């Protein structure tokens, strides 16, 4: 967890595919600890073909059944189907000329949002992004999941002032 904190958590991510992958993993985390997802991340990447949206969008019922047997990942039909649907929604956005990274970063004002004090579990922005994602067909993207994702990908910077990551931004 220390390496994840020091090297990844809260570092601004601008790559659309990487943002989508992290959002899907945050959906799998719902109801579980993030350490479980991190431990299983390599297995998730293998199971979901390196989170290539084009490949995942082609998954069918046979793939869902295969994934439900994969002990390396979280075996939740709803979350697996949400990831497949999320790949399709991501590609639809792209087909319609909407870049995933530009979409989320524009909603955030284009740069990381710095919080000081109490860290919320959701925010008006996470509610807005959640609503926009759901409108586009994404699932497991409620405001709390979206806020955790926003923290992970650096849209919000909730590192404390004492933390070296908090001081640098």
N, C-alpha and C. Protein backbone atom coordinates (compact mmCIF):
# COMPACT_ATOMS: atom_id res chain seq x y z
N UNK A 1 0.82 -1.19 0.00
CA UNK A 1 0.00 0.00 0.00
C UNK A 1 0.87 1.26 0.00
N UNK A 2 2.05 1.18 0.61
CA UNK A 2 2.93 2.34 0.65
C UNK A 2 3.38 2.70 -0.76
N UNK A 3 3.80 1.72 -1.53
CA UNK A 3 4.23 1.99 -2.91
C UNK A 3 3.08 2.55 -3.73
N UNK A 4 1.87 1.99 -3.56
CA UNK A 4 0.70 2.51 -4.28
C UNK A 4 0.47 3.98 -3.92
N UNK A 5 0.49 4.29 -2.62
CA UNK A 5 0.32 5.68 -2.19
C UNK A 5 1.40 6.58 -2.77
N UNK A 6 2.65 6.16 -2.63
CA UNK A 6 3.77 7.01 -3.01
C UNK A 6 3.91 7.19 -4.51
N UNK A 7 3.52 6.18 -5.29
CA UNK A 7 3.77 6.23 -6.73
C UNK A 7 2.53 6.45 -7.59
N UNK A 8 1.33 6.11 -7.08
CA UNK A 8 0.14 6.16 -7.93
C UNK A 8 -1.00 7.02 -7.39
N UNK A 9 -1.40 6.78 -6.15
CA UNK A 9 -2.62 7.39 -5.63
C UNK A 9 -2.51 8.91 -5.64
N UNK A 10 -3.44 9.54 -6.30
CA UNK A 10 -3.47 10.99 -6.33
C UNK A 10 -2.60 11.63 -7.39
N UNK A 11 -1.90 10.82 -8.17
CA UNK A 11 -1.09 11.37 -9.26
C UNK A 11 -2.02 11.61 -10.46
N UNK A 12 -2.09 12.84 -10.95
CA UNK A 12 -3.01 13.12 -12.05
C UNK A 12 -2.78 12.21 -13.26
N UNK A 13 -3.86 11.58 -13.69
CA UNK A 13 -3.85 10.67 -14.83
C UNK A 13 -4.65 11.33 -15.95
N UNK A 14 -4.08 11.36 -17.14
CA UNK A 14 -4.76 12.00 -18.27
C UNK A 14 -5.01 11.04 -19.42
N UNK A 15 -4.51 9.83 -19.32
CA UNK A 15 -4.72 8.85 -20.38
C UNK A 15 -6.12 8.26 -20.27
N UNK A 16 -6.90 8.37 -21.33
CA UNK A 16 -8.29 7.93 -21.30
C UNK A 16 -8.44 6.47 -20.93
N UNK A 17 -7.64 5.60 -21.53
CA UNK A 17 -7.77 4.17 -21.26
C UNK A 17 -7.40 3.87 -19.82
N UNK A 18 -6.35 4.49 -19.32
CA UNK A 18 -5.94 4.27 -17.92
C UNK A 18 -7.01 4.79 -16.96
N UNK A 19 -7.62 5.93 -17.27
CA UNK A 19 -8.71 6.44 -16.44
C UNK A 19 -9.87 5.47 -16.41
N UNK A 20 -10.21 4.92 -17.58
CA UNK A 20 -11.31 3.95 -17.66
C UNK A 20 -10.98 2.69 -16.85
N UNK A 21 -9.76 2.16 -17.01
CA UNK A 21 -9.36 0.97 -16.25
C UNK A 21 -9.52 1.20 -14.75
N UNK A 22 -9.03 2.33 -14.28
CA UNK A 22 -9.10 2.62 -12.84
C UNK A 22 -10.54 2.78 -12.38
N UNK A 23 -11.40 3.35 -13.23
CA UNK A 23 -12.81 3.48 -12.87
C UNK A 23 -13.45 2.09 -12.76
N UNK A 24 -13.11 1.20 -13.68
CA UNK A 24 -13.66 -0.16 -13.63
C UNK A 24 -13.17 -0.88 -12.37
N UNK A 25 -11.90 -0.73 -12.03
CA UNK A 25 -11.37 -1.36 -10.82
C UNK A 25 -12.04 -0.78 -9.57
N UNK A 26 -12.30 0.52 -9.58
CA UNK A 26 -13.00 1.11 -8.43
C UNK A 26 -14.41 0.54 -8.31
N UNK A 27 -15.04 0.24 -9.43
CA UNK A 27 -16.35 -0.41 -9.39
C UNK A 27 -16.26 -1.79 -8.75
N UNK A 28 -15.20 -2.53 -9.05
CA UNK A 28 -15.01 -3.85 -8.43
C UNK A 28 -14.74 -3.72 -6.94
N UNK A 29 -14.18 -2.60 -6.53
CA UNK A 29 -13.84 -2.41 -5.13
C UNK A 29 -15.06 -2.18 -4.26
N UNK A 30 -16.17 -1.79 -4.84
CA UNK A 30 -17.38 -1.49 -4.06
C UNK A 30 -17.67 -2.60 -3.04
N UNK A 31 -17.72 -2.23 -1.78
CA UNK A 31 -18.00 -3.18 -0.71
C UNK A 31 -16.79 -3.97 -0.23
N UNK A 32 -15.65 -3.73 -0.82
CA UNK A 32 -14.41 -4.45 -0.47
C UNK A 32 -13.33 -3.44 -0.14
N UNK A 33 -12.20 -3.93 0.33
CA UNK A 33 -11.09 -3.03 0.59
C UNK A 33 -10.26 -2.87 -0.69
N UNK A 34 -9.66 -1.69 -0.82
CA UNK A 34 -8.85 -1.42 -2.00
C UNK A 34 -7.64 -2.35 -2.06
N UNK A 35 -7.14 -2.78 -0.92
CA UNK A 35 -5.98 -3.68 -0.91
C UNK A 35 -6.29 -5.00 -1.62
N UNK A 36 -7.53 -5.45 -1.55
CA UNK A 36 -7.93 -6.68 -2.27
C UNK A 36 -7.80 -6.45 -3.77
N UNK A 37 -8.29 -5.32 -4.24
CA UNK A 37 -8.24 -5.02 -5.68
C UNK A 37 -6.80 -4.87 -6.13
N UNK A 38 -5.99 -4.19 -5.35
CA UNK A 38 -4.57 -4.04 -5.72
C UNK A 38 -3.87 -5.40 -5.81
N UNK A 39 -4.14 -6.27 -4.85
CA UNK A 39 -3.55 -7.61 -4.87
C UNK A 39 -3.97 -8.38 -6.12
N UNK A 40 -5.17 -8.14 -6.58
CA UNK A 40 -5.72 -8.87 -7.72
C UNK A 40 -5.57 -8.11 -9.05
N UNK A 41 -4.96 -6.94 -9.03
CA UNK A 41 -4.91 -6.10 -10.23
C UNK A 41 -4.30 -6.80 -11.44
N UNK A 42 -3.22 -7.51 -11.26
CA UNK A 42 -2.62 -8.21 -12.40
C UNK A 42 -3.56 -9.27 -12.96
N UNK A 43 -4.26 -9.97 -12.08
CA UNK A 43 -5.24 -10.96 -12.53
C UNK A 43 -6.40 -10.29 -13.26
N UNK A 44 -6.84 -9.13 -12.77
CA UNK A 44 -7.88 -8.38 -13.47
C UNK A 44 -7.41 -7.99 -14.87
N UNK A 45 -6.17 -7.51 -14.95
CA UNK A 45 -5.65 -7.10 -16.26
C UNK A 45 -5.58 -8.28 -17.22
N UNK A 46 -5.18 -9.43 -16.72
CA UNK A 46 -5.14 -10.61 -17.58
C UNK A 46 -6.57 -11.02 -17.97
N UNK A 47 -7.46 -11.06 -17.03
CA UNK A 47 -8.84 -11.49 -17.29
C UNK A 47 -9.56 -10.56 -18.25
N UNK A 48 -9.27 -9.25 -18.16
CA UNK A 48 -9.94 -8.26 -18.99
C UNK A 48 -9.04 -7.75 -20.11
N UNK A 49 -8.14 -8.61 -20.57
CA UNK A 49 -7.32 -8.34 -21.75
C UNK A 49 -6.64 -6.97 -21.68
N UNK A 50 -5.94 -6.73 -20.56
CA UNK A 50 -5.25 -5.47 -20.30
C UNK A 50 -6.18 -4.26 -20.37
N UNK A 51 -7.44 -4.50 -20.06
CA UNK A 51 -8.45 -3.44 -20.08
C UNK A 51 -8.45 -2.69 -21.41
N UNK A 52 -8.35 -3.47 -22.48
CA UNK A 52 -8.49 -2.90 -23.82
C UNK A 52 -9.99 -2.81 -24.08
N UNK A 53 -10.56 -1.60 -24.14
CA UNK A 53 -12.01 -1.48 -24.29
C UNK A 53 -12.56 -2.20 -25.52
N UNK A 54 -11.81 -2.21 -26.62
CA UNK A 54 -12.29 -2.88 -27.83
C UNK A 54 -12.44 -4.38 -27.60
N UNK A 55 -11.51 -4.97 -26.89
CA UNK A 55 -11.58 -6.40 -26.60
C UNK A 55 -12.68 -6.70 -25.59
N UNK A 56 -12.73 -5.90 -24.52
CA UNK A 56 -13.72 -6.14 -23.46
C UNK A 56 -15.14 -5.95 -23.99
N UNK A 57 -15.34 -4.99 -24.86
CA UNK A 57 -16.68 -4.73 -25.41
C UNK A 57 -17.21 -5.92 -26.20
N UNK A 58 -16.34 -6.77 -26.68
CA UNK A 58 -16.75 -7.96 -27.45
C UNK A 58 -17.02 -9.17 -26.57
N UNK A 59 -16.79 -9.05 -25.27
CA UNK A 59 -17.06 -10.17 -24.37
C UNK A 59 -18.53 -10.54 -24.45
N UNK A 60 -18.79 -11.84 -24.36
CA UNK A 60 -20.16 -12.34 -24.40
C UNK A 60 -20.44 -13.19 -23.16
N UNK A 61 -21.55 -13.89 -23.17
CA UNK A 61 -21.94 -14.70 -22.01
C UNK A 61 -20.88 -15.75 -21.67
N UNK A 62 -20.25 -16.33 -22.68
CA UNK A 62 -19.19 -17.32 -22.42
C UNK A 62 -18.04 -16.67 -21.65
N UNK A 63 -17.72 -15.42 -21.98
CA UNK A 63 -16.66 -14.71 -21.26
C UNK A 63 -17.10 -14.41 -19.83
N UNK A 64 -18.35 -14.03 -19.65
CA UNK A 64 -18.86 -13.79 -18.30
C UNK A 64 -18.73 -15.06 -17.47
N UNK A 65 -19.12 -16.19 -18.04
CA UNK A 65 -19.02 -17.47 -17.31
C UNK A 65 -17.57 -17.82 -17.01
N UNK A 66 -16.67 -17.56 -17.96
CA UNK A 66 -15.24 -17.79 -17.74
C UNK A 66 -14.75 -16.93 -16.58
N UNK A 67 -15.12 -15.67 -16.57
CA UNK A 67 -14.67 -14.76 -15.52
C UNK A 67 -15.25 -15.12 -14.15
N UNK A 68 -16.46 -15.64 -14.14
CA UNK A 68 -17.06 -16.06 -12.87
C UNK A 68 -16.33 -17.25 -12.26
N UNK A 69 -15.53 -17.95 -13.05
CA UNK A 69 -14.73 -19.08 -12.55
C UNK A 69 -13.31 -18.67 -12.20
N UNK A 70 -12.93 -17.45 -12.47
CA UNK A 70 -11.56 -16.97 -12.29
C UNK A 70 -11.36 -16.52 -10.84
N UNK A 71 -10.70 -17.34 -10.05
CA UNK A 71 -10.49 -17.01 -8.63
C UNK A 71 -9.51 -15.87 -8.43
N UNK A 72 -8.83 -15.44 -9.48
CA UNK A 72 -7.89 -14.33 -9.36
C UNK A 72 -8.56 -12.97 -9.29
N UNK A 73 -9.85 -12.91 -9.65
CA UNK A 73 -10.56 -11.63 -9.65
C UNK A 73 -11.75 -11.70 -8.69
N UNK A 74 -12.43 -10.59 -8.54
CA UNK A 74 -13.67 -10.56 -7.78
C UNK A 74 -14.75 -11.12 -8.70
N UNK A 75 -15.38 -12.20 -8.27
CA UNK A 75 -16.33 -12.92 -9.13
C UNK A 75 -17.76 -12.46 -8.85
N UNK A 76 -18.07 -11.31 -9.36
CA UNK A 76 -19.41 -10.74 -9.23
C UNK A 76 -19.97 -10.55 -10.64
N UNK A 77 -21.04 -11.26 -10.94
CA UNK A 77 -21.64 -11.13 -12.27
C UNK A 77 -21.98 -9.67 -12.57
N UNK A 78 -22.58 -8.98 -11.61
CA UNK A 78 -22.98 -7.60 -11.84
C UNK A 78 -21.79 -6.70 -12.17
N UNK A 79 -20.69 -6.90 -11.46
CA UNK A 79 -19.50 -6.07 -11.69
C UNK A 79 -18.81 -6.44 -13.00
N UNK A 80 -18.79 -7.72 -13.32
CA UNK A 80 -18.22 -8.16 -14.60
C UNK A 80 -19.04 -7.58 -15.75
N UNK A 81 -20.36 -7.71 -15.67
CA UNK A 81 -21.21 -7.17 -16.73
C UNK A 81 -21.12 -5.65 -16.80
N UNK A 82 -20.93 -4.99 -15.65
CA UNK A 82 -20.77 -3.54 -15.64
C UNK A 82 -19.48 -3.14 -16.36
N UNK A 83 -18.44 -3.94 -16.22
CA UNK A 83 -17.18 -3.64 -16.89
C UNK A 83 -17.32 -3.81 -18.40
N UNK A 84 -18.00 -4.86 -18.82
CA UNK A 84 -18.24 -5.06 -20.25
C UNK A 84 -19.09 -3.91 -20.79
N UNK A 85 -20.14 -3.56 -20.07
CA UNK A 85 -20.98 -2.43 -20.47
C UNK A 85 -20.20 -1.12 -20.44
N UNK A 86 -19.28 -1.00 -19.48
CA UNK A 86 -18.44 0.20 -19.39
C UNK A 86 -17.52 0.33 -20.59
N UNK A 87 -17.03 -0.80 -21.09
CA UNK A 87 -16.20 -0.77 -22.31
C UNK A 87 -17.03 -0.29 -23.49
N UNK A 88 -18.24 -0.78 -23.58
CA UNK A 88 -19.13 -0.37 -24.68
C UNK A 88 -19.48 1.12 -24.57
N UNK A 89 -19.74 1.59 -23.36
CA UNK A 89 -20.06 3.01 -23.15
C UNK A 89 -18.85 3.88 -23.49
N UNK A 90 -17.67 3.44 -23.07
CA UNK A 90 -16.42 4.16 -23.36
C UNK A 90 -16.23 4.29 -24.87
N UNK A 91 -16.42 3.18 -25.60
CA UNK A 91 -16.25 3.19 -27.05
C UNK A 91 -17.32 4.05 -27.73
N UNK A 92 -18.52 4.03 -27.21
CA UNK A 92 -19.59 4.86 -27.78
C UNK A 92 -19.23 6.34 -27.63
N UNK A 93 -18.71 6.71 -26.47
CA UNK A 93 -18.26 8.09 -26.27
C UNK A 93 -17.21 8.45 -27.31
N UNK A 94 -16.26 7.54 -27.50
CA UNK A 94 -15.18 7.78 -28.45
C UNK A 94 -15.72 7.93 -29.87
N UNK A 95 -16.64 7.03 -30.25
CA UNK A 95 -17.26 7.08 -31.58
C UNK A 95 -17.99 8.39 -31.81
N UNK A 96 -18.54 8.95 -30.74
CA UNK A 96 -19.28 10.21 -30.84
C UNK A 96 -18.38 11.43 -30.66
N UNK A 97 -17.06 11.18 -30.66
CA UNK A 97 -16.09 12.28 -30.58
C UNK A 97 -15.84 12.81 -29.19
N UNK A 98 -16.21 12.04 -28.18
CA UNK A 98 -16.04 12.48 -26.80
C UNK A 98 -14.90 11.69 -26.15
N UNK A 99 -13.77 12.34 -25.96
CA UNK A 99 -12.62 11.72 -25.33
C UNK A 99 -12.87 11.59 -23.83
N UNK A 100 -12.65 10.39 -23.28
CA UNK A 100 -12.97 10.13 -21.88
C UNK A 100 -12.18 11.05 -20.94
N UNK A 101 -10.89 11.22 -21.21
CA UNK A 101 -10.07 12.08 -20.36
C UNK A 101 -10.53 13.53 -20.43
N UNK A 102 -10.74 14.03 -21.62
CA UNK A 102 -11.19 15.42 -21.77
C UNK A 102 -12.54 15.63 -21.09
N UNK A 103 -13.42 14.63 -21.20
CA UNK A 103 -14.74 14.68 -20.57
C UNK A 103 -14.64 14.87 -19.06
N UNK A 104 -13.85 14.01 -18.38
CA UNK A 104 -13.79 14.11 -16.92
C UNK A 104 -12.97 15.30 -16.45
N UNK A 105 -11.87 15.59 -17.12
CA UNK A 105 -11.04 16.70 -16.68
C UNK A 105 -11.72 18.05 -16.92
N UNK A 106 -12.52 18.14 -17.98
CA UNK A 106 -13.26 19.38 -18.22
C UNK A 106 -14.26 19.61 -17.08
N UNK A 107 -14.94 18.53 -16.66
CA UNK A 107 -15.89 18.66 -15.56
C UNK A 107 -15.20 19.11 -14.28
N UNK A 108 -13.92 18.74 -14.13
CA UNK A 108 -13.15 19.09 -12.93
C UNK A 108 -12.46 20.45 -13.06
N UNK A 109 -12.64 21.11 -14.19
CA UNK A 109 -12.00 22.42 -14.35
C UNK A 109 -10.61 22.34 -14.94
N UNK A 110 -10.20 21.15 -15.39
CA UNK A 110 -8.93 21.01 -16.10
C UNK A 110 -7.69 20.80 -15.25
N UNK A 111 -7.82 20.88 -13.95
CA UNK A 111 -6.63 20.68 -13.10
C UNK A 111 -7.07 20.07 -11.77
N UNK A 112 -6.13 19.46 -11.05
CA UNK A 112 -6.48 18.83 -9.76
C UNK A 112 -7.10 19.84 -8.79
N UNK A 113 -8.07 19.34 -8.05
CA UNK A 113 -8.76 20.13 -7.04
C UNK A 113 -8.13 19.81 -5.69
N UNK A 114 -7.66 20.84 -5.00
CA UNK A 114 -6.99 20.65 -3.71
C UNK A 114 -8.00 20.80 -2.59
N UNK A 115 -8.08 19.78 -1.74
CA UNK A 115 -8.93 19.86 -0.55
C UNK A 115 -8.05 20.06 0.67
N UNK A 116 -8.55 20.82 1.58
CA UNK A 116 -7.88 20.99 2.87
C UNK A 116 -8.90 20.69 3.95
N UNK A 117 -8.48 19.99 4.96
CA UNK A 117 -9.40 19.68 6.05
C UNK A 117 -10.04 18.32 5.88
N UNK A 118 -11.30 18.22 6.28
CA UNK A 118 -12.01 16.95 6.26
C UNK A 118 -12.17 16.44 4.84
N UNK A 119 -11.84 15.19 4.65
CA UNK A 119 -11.96 14.56 3.33
C UNK A 119 -13.36 13.96 3.21
N UNK A 120 -14.11 14.39 2.22
CA UNK A 120 -15.47 13.86 2.06
C UNK A 120 -15.46 12.47 1.42
N UNK A 121 -16.59 11.78 1.46
CA UNK A 121 -16.72 10.50 0.76
C UNK A 121 -17.34 10.70 -0.62
N UNK A 122 -17.93 11.87 -0.81
CA UNK A 122 -18.45 12.25 -2.12
C UNK A 122 -18.45 13.77 -2.16
N UNK A 123 -18.78 14.30 -3.32
CA UNK A 123 -18.79 15.76 -3.47
C UNK A 123 -19.80 16.12 -4.55
N UNK A 124 -20.14 17.39 -4.65
CA UNK A 124 -21.03 17.78 -5.75
C UNK A 124 -20.46 17.38 -7.11
N UNK A 125 -19.13 17.48 -7.26
CA UNK A 125 -18.52 17.09 -8.54
C UNK A 125 -18.63 15.58 -8.76
N UNK A 126 -18.41 14.77 -7.72
CA UNK A 126 -18.53 13.31 -7.91
C UNK A 126 -19.97 12.94 -8.24
N UNK A 127 -20.91 13.68 -7.67
CA UNK A 127 -22.32 13.45 -8.00
C UNK A 127 -22.61 13.82 -9.45
N UNK A 128 -22.04 14.92 -9.92
CA UNK A 128 -22.22 15.36 -11.30
C UNK A 128 -21.59 14.37 -12.28
N UNK A 129 -20.36 13.95 -11.99
CA UNK A 129 -19.69 12.99 -12.88
C UNK A 129 -20.43 11.66 -12.86
N UNK A 130 -20.86 11.22 -11.68
CA UNK A 130 -21.62 9.98 -11.56
C UNK A 130 -22.86 10.02 -12.45
N UNK A 131 -23.60 11.09 -12.35
CA UNK A 131 -24.82 11.24 -13.13
C UNK A 131 -24.51 11.22 -14.64
N UNK A 132 -23.44 11.91 -15.04
CA UNK A 132 -23.07 11.96 -16.45
C UNK A 132 -22.62 10.59 -16.96
N UNK A 133 -21.89 9.85 -16.12
CA UNK A 133 -21.45 8.50 -16.51
C UNK A 133 -22.64 7.56 -16.63
N UNK A 134 -23.54 7.61 -15.67
CA UNK A 134 -24.74 6.75 -15.72
C UNK A 134 -25.56 7.06 -16.96
N UNK A 135 -25.67 8.33 -17.31
CA UNK A 135 -26.41 8.73 -18.51
C UNK A 135 -25.80 8.10 -19.76
N UNK A 136 -24.49 7.88 -19.74
CA UNK A 136 -23.79 7.30 -20.88
C UNK A 136 -23.78 5.77 -20.83
N UNK A 137 -24.36 5.18 -19.78
CA UNK A 137 -24.48 3.73 -19.71
C UNK A 137 -23.56 3.03 -18.75
N UNK A 138 -22.75 3.76 -18.00
CA UNK A 138 -21.84 3.14 -17.04
C UNK A 138 -22.64 2.71 -15.80
N UNK A 139 -22.14 1.64 -15.15
CA UNK A 139 -22.73 1.16 -13.90
C UNK A 139 -21.63 1.03 -12.86
N UNK A 140 -22.02 0.92 -11.59
CA UNK A 140 -21.08 0.91 -10.46
C UNK A 140 -20.25 2.19 -10.48
N UNK A 141 -20.94 3.30 -10.72
CA UNK A 141 -20.30 4.61 -10.75
C UNK A 141 -21.10 5.60 -9.91
N UNK A 142 -21.50 5.17 -8.72
CA UNK A 142 -22.19 6.07 -7.81
C UNK A 142 -21.23 7.15 -7.32
N UNK A 143 -21.75 8.18 -6.67
CA UNK A 143 -20.91 9.30 -6.24
C UNK A 143 -19.76 8.92 -5.31
N UNK A 144 -19.95 7.92 -4.45
CA UNK A 144 -18.87 7.52 -3.54
C UNK A 144 -17.76 6.80 -4.32
N UNK A 145 -18.13 5.88 -5.20
CA UNK A 145 -17.14 5.21 -6.05
C UNK A 145 -16.42 6.23 -6.92
N UNK A 146 -17.16 7.15 -7.51
CA UNK A 146 -16.55 8.17 -8.37
C UNK A 146 -15.60 9.04 -7.56
N UNK A 147 -15.97 9.39 -6.33
CA UNK A 147 -15.07 10.22 -5.53
C UNK A 147 -13.77 9.46 -5.23
N UNK A 148 -13.87 8.19 -4.87
CA UNK A 148 -12.66 7.39 -4.61
C UNK A 148 -11.79 7.34 -5.86
N UNK A 149 -12.43 7.18 -7.01
CA UNK A 149 -11.71 7.17 -8.29
C UNK A 149 -11.06 8.52 -8.56
N UNK A 150 -11.80 9.61 -8.28
CA UNK A 150 -11.24 10.95 -8.48
C UNK A 150 -9.98 11.15 -7.62
N UNK A 151 -10.00 10.61 -6.41
CA UNK A 151 -8.81 10.67 -5.56
C UNK A 151 -7.68 9.86 -6.18
N UNK A 152 -7.98 8.65 -6.59
CA UNK A 152 -6.96 7.74 -7.12
C UNK A 152 -6.27 8.29 -8.35
N UNK A 153 -7.04 8.96 -9.22
CA UNK A 153 -6.48 9.44 -10.49
C UNK A 153 -6.07 10.90 -10.44
N UNK A 154 -6.08 11.49 -9.24
CA UNK A 154 -5.56 12.84 -9.06
C UNK A 154 -6.47 13.96 -9.49
N UNK A 155 -7.74 13.68 -9.75
CA UNK A 155 -8.67 14.76 -10.05
C UNK A 155 -8.86 15.62 -8.80
N UNK A 156 -8.88 14.95 -7.66
CA UNK A 156 -8.84 15.67 -6.39
C UNK A 156 -7.57 15.24 -5.66
N UNK A 157 -6.98 16.18 -4.96
CA UNK A 157 -5.78 15.91 -4.18
C UNK A 157 -6.17 15.97 -2.72
N UNK A 158 -6.34 14.81 -2.12
CA UNK A 158 -6.70 14.73 -0.71
C UNK A 158 -5.53 14.29 0.16
N UNK A 159 -4.31 14.41 -0.36
CA UNK A 159 -3.14 14.15 0.47
C UNK A 159 -3.07 15.24 1.53
N UNK A 160 -2.68 14.87 2.73
CA UNK A 160 -2.55 15.87 3.80
C UNK A 160 -1.35 16.77 3.52
N UNK A 161 -1.32 17.92 4.17
CA UNK A 161 -0.22 18.86 4.00
C UNK A 161 1.10 18.25 4.47
N UNK A 162 1.03 17.31 5.44
CA UNK A 162 2.24 16.67 5.95
C UNK A 162 2.81 15.65 4.97
N UNK A 163 1.99 15.15 4.08
CA UNK A 163 2.41 14.14 3.11
C UNK A 163 3.22 14.79 2.00
N UNK A 164 4.28 14.12 1.55
CA UNK A 164 5.10 14.70 0.50
C UNK A 164 4.28 14.94 -0.77
N UNK A 165 3.26 14.16 -1.02
CA UNK A 165 2.38 14.37 -2.19
C UNK A 165 1.51 15.59 -1.99
N UNK A 166 1.14 15.88 -0.77
CA UNK A 166 0.34 17.06 -0.49
C UNK A 166 1.14 18.33 -0.59
N UNK A 167 2.39 18.29 -0.23
CA UNK A 167 3.25 19.47 -0.27
C UNK A 167 3.65 19.84 -1.68
N UNK A 168 3.75 18.84 -2.58
CA UNK A 168 4.25 19.12 -3.93
C UNK A 168 3.22 19.77 -4.82
N UNK A 169 1.97 19.78 -4.43
CA UNK A 169 0.95 20.33 -5.34
C UNK A 169 0.31 21.54 -4.75
